[in-house]
C-alpha atoms as a PDB file:
ATOM      1  CA  MET A   1     -28.278  54.084  17.910  1.00  0.00           C
ATOM      2  CA  SER A   2     -30.697  53.536  14.993  1.00  0.00           C
ATOM      3  CA  GLU A   3     -27.017  52.981  13.283  1.00  0.00           C
ATOM      4  CA  LYS A   4     -26.279  50.047  16.355  1.00  0.00           C
ATOM      5  CA  ILE A   5     -29.566  48.641  15.128  1.00  0.00           C
ATOM      6  CA  GLY A   6     -29.085  49.055  11.508  1.00  0.00           C
ATOM      7  CA  LEU A   7     -25.854  46.554  11.988  1.00  0.00           C
ATOM      8  CA  PHE A   8     -27.805  44.322  14.243  1.00  0.00           C
ATOM      9  CA  ASP A   9     -30.222  43.658  11.936  1.00  0.00           C
ATOM     10  CA  LYS A  10     -27.638  43.460   9.236  1.00  0.00           C
ATOM     11  CA  LEU A  11     -25.873  40.607  11.418  1.00  0.00           C
ATOM     12  CA  LEU A  12     -28.894  39.007  11.962  1.00  0.00           C
ATOM     13  CA  LEU A  13     -29.984  38.781   8.505  1.00  0.00           C
ATOM     14  CA  SER A  14     -26.314  37.638   7.657  1.00  0.00           C
ATOM     15  CA  VAL A  15     -26.648  34.506   9.873  1.00  0.00           C
ATOM     16  CA  ALA A  16     -30.083  33.799   8.872  1.00  0.00           C
ATOM     17  CA  THR A  17     -29.351  33.857   5.071  1.00  0.00           C
ATOM     18  CA  GLY A  18     -26.406  31.077   6.335  1.00  0.00           C
ATOM     19  CA  ASN A  19     -23.527  33.082   6.988  1.00  0.00           C
ATOM     20  CA  HIS A  20     -22.004  30.733   9.842  1.00  0.00           C
ATOM     21  CA  ASP A  21     -18.714  31.359  10.175  1.00  0.00           C
ATOM     22  CA  LYS A  22     -16.632  31.704  13.369  1.00  0.00           C
ATOM     23  CA  ASP A  23     -16.211  35.693  13.300  1.00  0.00           C
ATOM     24  CA  THR A  24     -19.896  36.408  12.402  1.00  0.00           C
ATOM     25  CA  LEU A  25     -21.317  33.982  15.389  1.00  0.00           C
ATOM     26  CA  THR A  26     -19.182  34.951  17.797  1.00  0.00           C
ATOM     27  CA  SER A  27     -20.120  38.808  17.048  1.00  0.00           C
ATOM     28  CA  LEU A  28     -23.839  37.766  17.223  1.00  0.00           C
ATOM     29  CA  ALA A  29     -23.146  36.071  20.314  1.00  0.00           C
ATOM     30  CA  GLY A  30     -21.798  39.068  21.814  1.00  0.00           C
ATOM     31  CA  ARG A  31     -24.198  41.839  20.544  1.00  0.00           C
ATOM     32  CA  LEU A  32     -26.878  39.237  22.414  1.00  0.00           C
ATOM     33  CA  ALA A  33     -25.045  38.892  25.217  1.00  0.00           C
ATOM     34  CA  ARG A  34     -24.844  42.887  25.543  1.00  0.00           C
ATOM     35  CA  LEU A  35     -28.601  42.643  24.830  1.00  0.00           C
ATOM     36  CA  GLU A  36     -29.198  40.560  27.682  1.00  0.00           C
ATOM     37  CA  GLN A  37     -27.608  42.840  30.140  1.00  0.00           C
ATOM     38  CA  GLU A  38     -29.606  45.812  29.008  1.00  0.00           C
ATOM     39  CA  ILE A  39     -33.278  44.542  29.047  1.00  0.00           C
ATOM     40  CA  GLY A  40     -35.809  44.359  31.508  1.00  0.00           C
ATOM     41  CA  THR A  41     -37.732  41.490  32.833  1.00  0.00           C
ATOM     42  CA  SER A  42     -40.702  41.863  31.220  1.00  0.00           C
ATOM     43  CA  GLU A  43     -38.366  41.722  27.700  1.00  0.00           C
ATOM     44  CA  ARG A  44     -36.702  38.451  28.571  1.00  0.00           C
ATOM     45  CA  LYS A  45     -39.881  37.103  28.946  1.00  0.00           C
ATOM     46  CA  GLU A  46     -41.329  38.306  25.849  1.00  0.00           C
ATOM     47  CA  ILE A  47     -38.045  37.067  24.052  1.00  0.00           C
ATOM     48  CA  LYS A  48     -38.191  33.631  25.521  1.00  0.00           C
ATOM     49  CA  LYS A  49     -42.026  33.295  24.346  1.00  0.00           C
ATOM     50  CA  ALA A  50     -41.110  33.924  21.065  1.00  0.00           C
ATOM     51  CA  SER A  51     -38.130  31.621  21.190  1.00  0.00           C
ATOM     52  CA  ASN A  52     -40.068  28.959  21.928  1.00  0.00           C
ATOM     53  CA  GLY A  53     -38.801  29.022  26.003  1.00  0.00           C
ATOM     54  CA  LYS A  54     -34.779  29.759  24.916  1.00  0.00           C
ATOM     55  CA  SER A  55     -33.336  32.793  26.947  1.00  0.00           C
ATOM     56  CA  LEU A  56     -31.045  34.846  25.197  1.00  0.00           C
ATOM     57  CA  LYS A  57     -28.317  33.196  27.866  1.00  0.00           C
ATOM     58  CA  GLY A  58     -29.546  29.887  26.143  1.00  0.00           C
ATOM     59  CA  MET A  59     -29.119  31.528  22.477  1.00  0.00           C
ATOM     60  CA  VAL A  60     -25.652  32.902  23.570  1.00  0.00           C
ATOM     61  CA  ASN A  61     -24.232  29.274  24.781  1.00  0.00           C
ATOM     62  CA  GLY A  62     -25.931  27.330  21.975  1.00  0.00           C
ATOM     63  CA  LEU A  63     -23.989  29.990  19.260  1.00  0.00           C
ATOM     64  CA  LEU A  64     -20.811  29.688  20.987  1.00  0.00           C
ATOM     65  CA  ASP A  65     -21.052  26.028  21.136  1.00  0.00           C
ATOM     66  CA  ALA A  66     -21.222  26.104  17.714  1.00  0.00           C
ATOM     67  CA  ILE A  67     -18.342  27.339  17.009  1.00  0.00           C
ATOM     68  CA  ASP A  68     -16.140  25.423  19.831  1.00  0.00           C
ATOM     69  CA  PRO A  69     -14.276  22.458  17.877  1.00  0.00           C
ATOM     70  CA  GLN A  70     -14.135  20.816  21.289  1.00  0.00           C
ATOM     71  CA  LYS A  71     -18.057  20.543  21.540  1.00  0.00           C
ATOM     72  CA  HIS A  72     -18.318  19.279  18.056  1.00  0.00           C
ATOM     73  CA  THR A  73     -15.565  16.025  18.718  1.00  0.00           C
ATOM     74  CA  GLU A  74     -18.352  15.256  22.284  1.00  0.00           C
ATOM     75  CA  LYS A  75     -20.950  15.797  19.818  1.00  0.00           C
ATOM     76  CA  ALA A  76     -19.258  13.345  17.298  1.00  0.00           C
ATOM     77  CA  LYS A  77     -18.353  11.109  20.328  1.00  0.00           C
ATOM     78  CA  GLU A  78     -22.142  10.655  21.125  1.00  0.00           C
ATOM     79  CA  ILE A  79     -23.690  10.294  17.632  1.00  0.00           C
ATOM     80  CA  PHE A  80     -21.068   8.086  16.470  1.00  0.00           C
ATOM     81  CA  GLN A  81     -20.662   6.217  19.922  1.00  0.00           C
ATOM     82  CA  THR A  82     -17.178   6.328  19.576  1.00  0.00           C
ATOM     83  CA  GLN A  83     -14.547   7.742  21.842  1.00  0.00           C
ATOM     84  CA  THR A  84     -12.046   8.541  18.884  1.00  0.00           C
ATOM     85  CA  PRO A  85     -14.163  10.654  15.534  1.00  0.00           C
ATOM     86  CA  THR A  86     -12.690  11.059  12.613  1.00  0.00           C
ATOM     87  CA  GLU A  87     -12.648  13.679  10.465  1.00  0.00           C
ATOM     88  CA  ILE A  88     -14.030  12.868   6.706  1.00  0.00           C
ATOM     89  CA  ARG A  89     -13.733  15.679   4.105  1.00  0.00           C
END
């Protein structure tokens, strides 16, 4: 179990220091989803309190949205008030 915790810590540190590639974020989302299944009500409340009201489920959804190209397109349409956003590189 402690090896899993060490790997989880490394994954969190990787994301915290700027590694936001699809595989890393997907892995983190999966780990958080499993954690959500394993913890009890009191731990959920603690997490929500520490994260300014965001649940693990909300965090997982946010991570998955961050790597979803369709969500990026929807956000671009909203921000730029257009139905046909273009990609600028």
